[in-house]
Amino acid sequence: MNIILLGCPGAGKGTQAKLIEKKYGIPQISTGDILREEVKKETKLGKEVKKYMDKGELVPDEVVIKIVEKRLKECKKGFILDGFPRTIIQATELDKILSKIGRRIDTVINIDVGEDFVIRRLAYRRSCRKCGAVYNLIYNPPKNNEVCDFCNEPLYQRDDDREEVVKRRFTVYKRTTEPLIDFYRKKGVLYTVNGERKVEEVFSEIAKILDNLSNLFPSLSQGASARCH
């Protein structure tokens, strides 16, 4: 099955994608993770991408499309697209890429959350550089101020999690990504779930949607390997 997860930054797309991957064996393609890895490695692409990410702006279409096309060609047994497409242009290009390789989008799940919820989730997020643990000062605070529970390293706030940047990211989402909801609704593949609930409650609803589609995709119930190959 080929799935797109829509939702603004902080909606929980990455978390839900990993849960889908674990339960159904469908590999996740996270453009955000791919781009952040390039930034971490300080590659030429990473340095260019960082300029946009730090300002809360979208990375140019041509950059993201090339990355996604390469990954899609590796995923023979389906995929979960997390963080792509983010614009109508990207969605149109995605259709072209899939058409070339004889594929199509089977379902689009829109995780709906409001701006205040996003600010609470992202602006209060803290991460550990050493072990990668992630906390939220409201919902999941560390035991000792802003120090990691696991390795006692100081926690840090990502540049794109600063409140002013989060607000800008949400504004950009409303302007450029939200139109995709109508785009996929007209194709008859859109489902919307309320993302302002516990992770397991959101996933339960998503799983029901996928289970209802399982008669069209028998391999879902078998839990295939979650790898692109």
Protein backbone atom coordinates (compact mmCIF):
# COMPACT_ATOMS: atom_id res chain seq x y z
CA MET A 1 0.00 0.00 0.00
CA ASN A 2 1.20 3.50 -0.83
CA ILE A 3 0.27 6.01 1.88
CA ILE A 4 0.68 9.75 2.41
CA LEU A 5 0.46 11.28 5.88
CA LEU A 6 -0.62 14.93 5.83
CA GLY A 7 -0.54 17.34 8.75
CA CYS A 8 1.22 20.47 9.93
CA PRO A 9 4.61 20.37 11.70
CA GLY A 10 4.07 18.76 15.10
CA ALA A 11 0.90 16.90 14.11
CA GLY A 12 2.58 13.57 14.87
CA LYS A 13 3.13 12.28 11.34
CA GLY A 14 6.52 10.77 12.15
CA THR A 15 5.25 8.98 15.24
CA GLN A 16 2.24 7.54 13.43
CA ALA A 17 4.35 6.56 10.42
CA LYS A 18 6.63 4.50 12.66
CA LEU A 19 3.62 2.77 14.26
CA ILE A 20 2.17 1.96 10.82
CA GLU A 21 5.55 0.67 9.71
CA LYS A 22 5.79 -1.60 12.75
CA LYS A 23 2.26 -3.01 12.49
CA TYR A 24 1.92 -3.37 8.72
CA GLY A 25 5.51 -3.62 7.50
CA ILE A 26 5.21 -0.62 5.18
CA PRO A 27 8.48 1.40 5.05
CA GLN A 28 8.46 5.06 6.09
CA ILE A 29 10.00 7.73 3.88
CA SER A 30 10.51 10.84 6.02
CA THR A 31 11.82 13.76 4.00
CA GLY A 32 12.37 15.65 7.25
CA ASP A 33 14.60 12.89 8.62
CA ILE A 34 16.51 12.66 5.35
CA LEU A 35 17.10 16.41 5.23
CA ARG A 36 18.05 16.63 8.93
CA GLU A 37 20.60 13.86 8.39
CA GLU A 38 22.15 15.88 5.58
CA VAL A 39 22.27 18.92 7.91
CA LYS A 40 23.87 16.83 10.66
CA LYS A 41 26.55 15.57 8.26
CA GLU A 42 27.11 19.17 7.08
CA THR A 43 26.99 18.11 3.46
CA LYS A 44 26.63 20.65 0.68
CA LEU A 45 22.92 19.83 0.50
CA GLY A 46 22.66 20.00 4.29
CA LYS A 47 24.14 23.49 4.47
CA GLU A 48 21.70 24.72 1.83
CA VAL A 49 18.73 23.03 3.49
CA LYS A 50 19.59 24.44 6.94
CA LYS A 51 19.10 28.01 5.70
CA TYR A 52 15.45 27.25 4.97
CA MET A 53 14.75 25.03 7.97
CA ASP A 54 16.13 27.55 10.49
CA LYS A 55 13.73 30.19 9.14
CA GLY A 56 10.72 27.88 9.17
CA GLU A 57 10.48 27.92 5.38
CA LEU A 58 9.98 25.03 2.99
CA VAL A 59 12.97 23.51 1.23
CA PRO A 60 12.72 24.20 -2.55
CA ASP A 61 10.61 21.72 -4.50
CA GLU A 62 13.36 20.63 -6.89
CA VAL A 63 15.59 19.52 -3.99
CA VAL A 64 12.93 17.49 -2.19
CA ILE A 65 11.51 15.94 -5.38
CA LYS A 66 14.90 14.51 -6.37
CA ILE A 67 15.33 12.94 -2.94
CA VAL A 68 11.84 11.43 -2.95
CA GLU A 69 12.09 10.07 -6.50
CA LYS A 70 15.29 8.21 -5.63
CA ARG A 71 13.72 6.64 -2.52
CA LEU A 72 10.45 5.70 -4.20
CA LYS A 73 12.27 3.71 -6.85
CA GLU A 74 13.79 1.63 -4.04
CA CYS A 75 10.44 0.86 -2.35
CA LYS A 76 8.93 -2.03 -4.29
CA LYS A 77 6.40 -3.14 -1.66
CA GLY A 78 4.76 0.16 -0.78
CA PHE A 79 5.67 3.21 1.29
CA ILE A 80 4.52 5.79 3.82
CA LEU A 81 5.35 9.34 2.72
CA ASP A 82 5.85 11.54 5.80
CA GLY A 83 6.51 15.22 5.06
CA PHE A 84 5.95 15.01 1.31
CA PRO A 85 4.21 16.37 -0.66
CA ARG A 86 3.90 19.79 0.95
CA THR A 87 2.70 21.78 -2.05
CA ILE A 88 0.39 21.24 -5.00
CA ILE A 89 3.46 21.38 -7.27
CA GLN A 90 5.07 18.56 -5.28
CA ALA A 91 1.84 16.53 -5.39
CA THR A 92 1.63 16.93 -9.17
CA GLU A 93 5.27 15.91 -9.58
CA LEU A 94 4.66 12.93 -7.29
CA ASP A 95 1.84 11.77 -9.56
CA LYS A 96 4.24 11.97 -12.51
CA ILE A 97 6.94 9.99 -10.69
CA LEU A 98 4.50 7.27 -9.64
CA SER A 99 3.01 7.09 -13.12
CA LYS A 100 6.48 6.44 -14.56
CA ILE A 101 7.03 3.49 -12.22
CA GLY A 102 3.49 2.15 -12.49
CA ARG A 103 2.33 3.11 -8.99
CA ARG A 104 -0.32 5.33 -7.41
CA ILE A 105 -1.31 6.75 -4.02
CA ASP A 106 -3.80 4.42 -2.34
CA THR A 107 -4.75 6.46 0.71
CA VAL A 108 -4.00 9.85 2.28
CA ILE A 109 -4.45 10.32 6.04
CA ASN A 110 -4.70 13.90 7.26
CA ILE A 111 -3.78 14.35 10.95
CA ASP A 112 -5.67 17.48 11.98
CA VAL A 113 -4.38 19.68 14.85
CA GLY A 114 -4.62 23.39 15.76
CA GLU A 115 -1.89 26.02 16.12
CA ASP A 116 -1.97 26.17 19.94
CA PHE A 117 -1.51 22.41 20.13
CA VAL A 118 1.45 22.57 17.75
CA ILE A 119 3.14 25.30 19.78
CA ARG A 120 2.77 23.30 23.00
CA ARG A 121 4.17 20.20 21.32
CA LEU A 122 7.10 21.76 19.43
CA ALA A 123 8.18 24.91 21.28
CA TYR A 124 8.50 22.90 24.49
CA ARG A 125 10.34 20.00 22.86
CA ARG A 126 13.89 19.28 23.99
CA SER A 127 16.32 16.71 22.59
CA CYS A 128 19.51 14.97 23.66
CA ARG A 129 22.39 15.21 21.21
CA LYS A 130 24.14 12.15 22.66
CA CYS A 131 21.43 9.46 22.77
CA GLY A 132 18.65 11.08 20.71
CA ALA A 133 16.03 10.99 23.49
CA VAL A 134 13.22 13.52 23.03
CA TYR A 135 11.23 15.23 25.80
CA ASN A 136 8.46 17.79 26.14
CA LEU A 137 8.65 20.18 29.09
CA ILE A 138 4.85 20.01 29.45
CA TYR A 139 3.83 16.46 28.53
CA ASN A 140 7.00 14.41 29.05
CA PRO A 141 9.52 16.46 31.07
CA PRO A 142 12.95 15.14 32.09
CA LYS A 143 13.32 14.29 35.77
CA ASN A 144 16.19 16.72 36.34
CA ASN A 145 15.40 20.13 34.82
CA GLU A 146 16.73 20.09 31.23
CA VAL A 147 19.14 17.15 31.54
CA CYS A 148 18.66 13.80 29.79
CA ASP A 149 17.33 11.02 32.05
CA PHE A 150 19.42 8.40 30.24
CA CYS A 151 22.87 9.93 29.78
CA ASN A 152 22.82 13.11 31.91
CA GLU A 153 23.69 15.28 28.93
CA PRO A 154 22.21 18.82 28.69
CA LEU A 155 19.15 18.95 26.46
CA TYR A 156 18.82 21.41 23.60
CA GLN A 157 16.08 23.04 21.53
CA ARG A 158 16.23 22.64 17.77
CA ASP A 159 16.41 25.95 15.92
CA ASP A 160 13.21 25.16 14.03
CA ASP A 161 11.39 24.48 17.34
CA ARG A 162 11.71 28.05 18.62
CA GLU A 163 8.21 29.47 19.14
CA GLU A 164 8.51 32.23 16.55
CA VAL A 165 9.74 29.69 14.00
CA VAL A 166 6.97 27.23 14.90
CA LYS A 167 4.37 29.95 14.30
CA ARG A 168 5.97 30.76 10.95
CA ARG A 169 6.02 27.06 10.01
CA PHE A 170 2.32 26.78 10.83
CA THR A 171 1.55 29.85 8.69
CA VAL A 172 3.54 28.41 5.80
CA TYR A 173 1.65 25.13 6.20
CA LYS A 174 -1.74 26.84 6.06
CA ARG A 175 -0.74 28.68 2.90
CA THR A 176 1.07 25.98 0.95
CA THR A 177 0.20 22.54 2.32
CA GLU A 178 -3.42 22.76 3.46
CA PRO A 179 -4.66 23.03 -0.17
CA LEU A 180 -3.50 19.42 -0.55
CA ILE A 181 -6.49 18.37 1.55
CA ASP A 182 -8.87 19.37 -1.23
CA PHE A 183 -6.47 18.02 -3.85
CA TYR A 184 -6.65 14.50 -2.40
CA ARG A 185 -10.28 14.74 -1.33
CA LYS A 186 -11.20 15.20 -5.00
CA LYS A 187 -9.24 12.04 -5.79
CA GLY A 188 -11.38 10.13 -3.28
CA VAL A 189 -8.46 8.90 -1.16
CA LEU A 190 -8.53 11.32 1.81
CA TYR A 191 -9.28 10.43 5.44
CA THR A 192 -9.02 12.95 8.31
CA VAL A 193 -8.33 12.05 11.94
CA ASN A 194 -8.19 14.25 15.05
CA GLY A 195 -4.52 14.44 16.08
CA GLU A 196 -5.13 16.22 19.40
CA ARG A 197 -5.45 12.97 21.33
CA LYS A 198 -3.12 10.40 22.86
CA VAL A 199 -0.78 8.77 20.36
CA GLU A 200 -2.39 5.36 20.79
CA GLU A 201 -5.90 6.79 20.23
CA VAL A 202 -4.84 8.46 16.98
CA PHE A 203 -3.14 5.28 15.82
CA SER A 204 -6.19 3.18 16.68
CA GLU A 205 -8.30 5.27 14.31
CA ILE A 206 -5.65 5.13 11.58
CA ALA A 207 -5.40 1.34 11.99
CA LYS A 208 -9.17 1.03 11.54
CA ILE A 209 -8.92 2.95 8.27
CA LEU A 210 -6.11 0.72 7.02
CA ASP A 211 -7.82 -2.45 8.20
CA ASN A 212 -10.96 -1.47 6.30
CA LEU A 213 -8.82 -1.19 3.18
CA SER A 214 -7.05 -4.49 3.82
CA ASN A 215 -9.39 -6.42 1.50
CA LEU A 216 -7.81 -4.42 -1.33
CA PHE A 217 -4.30 -5.00 -0.01
CA PRO A 218 -4.08 -8.57 1.40
CA SER A 219 -0.36 -8.23 2.18
CA LEU A 220 -1.18 -5.70 4.91
CA SER A 221 -2.39 -8.39 7.27
CA GLN A 222 0.80 -10.38 6.72
CA GLY A 223 3.21 -7.67 7.93
CA ALA A 224 5.84 -7.55 5.18
CA SER A 225 9.41 -6.42 5.77
CA ALA A 226 9.58 -2.67 6.41
CA ARG A 227 12.41 -2.00 3.99
CA CYS A 228 12.73 -0.38 0.60
CA HIS A 229 14.26 -2.92 -1.77
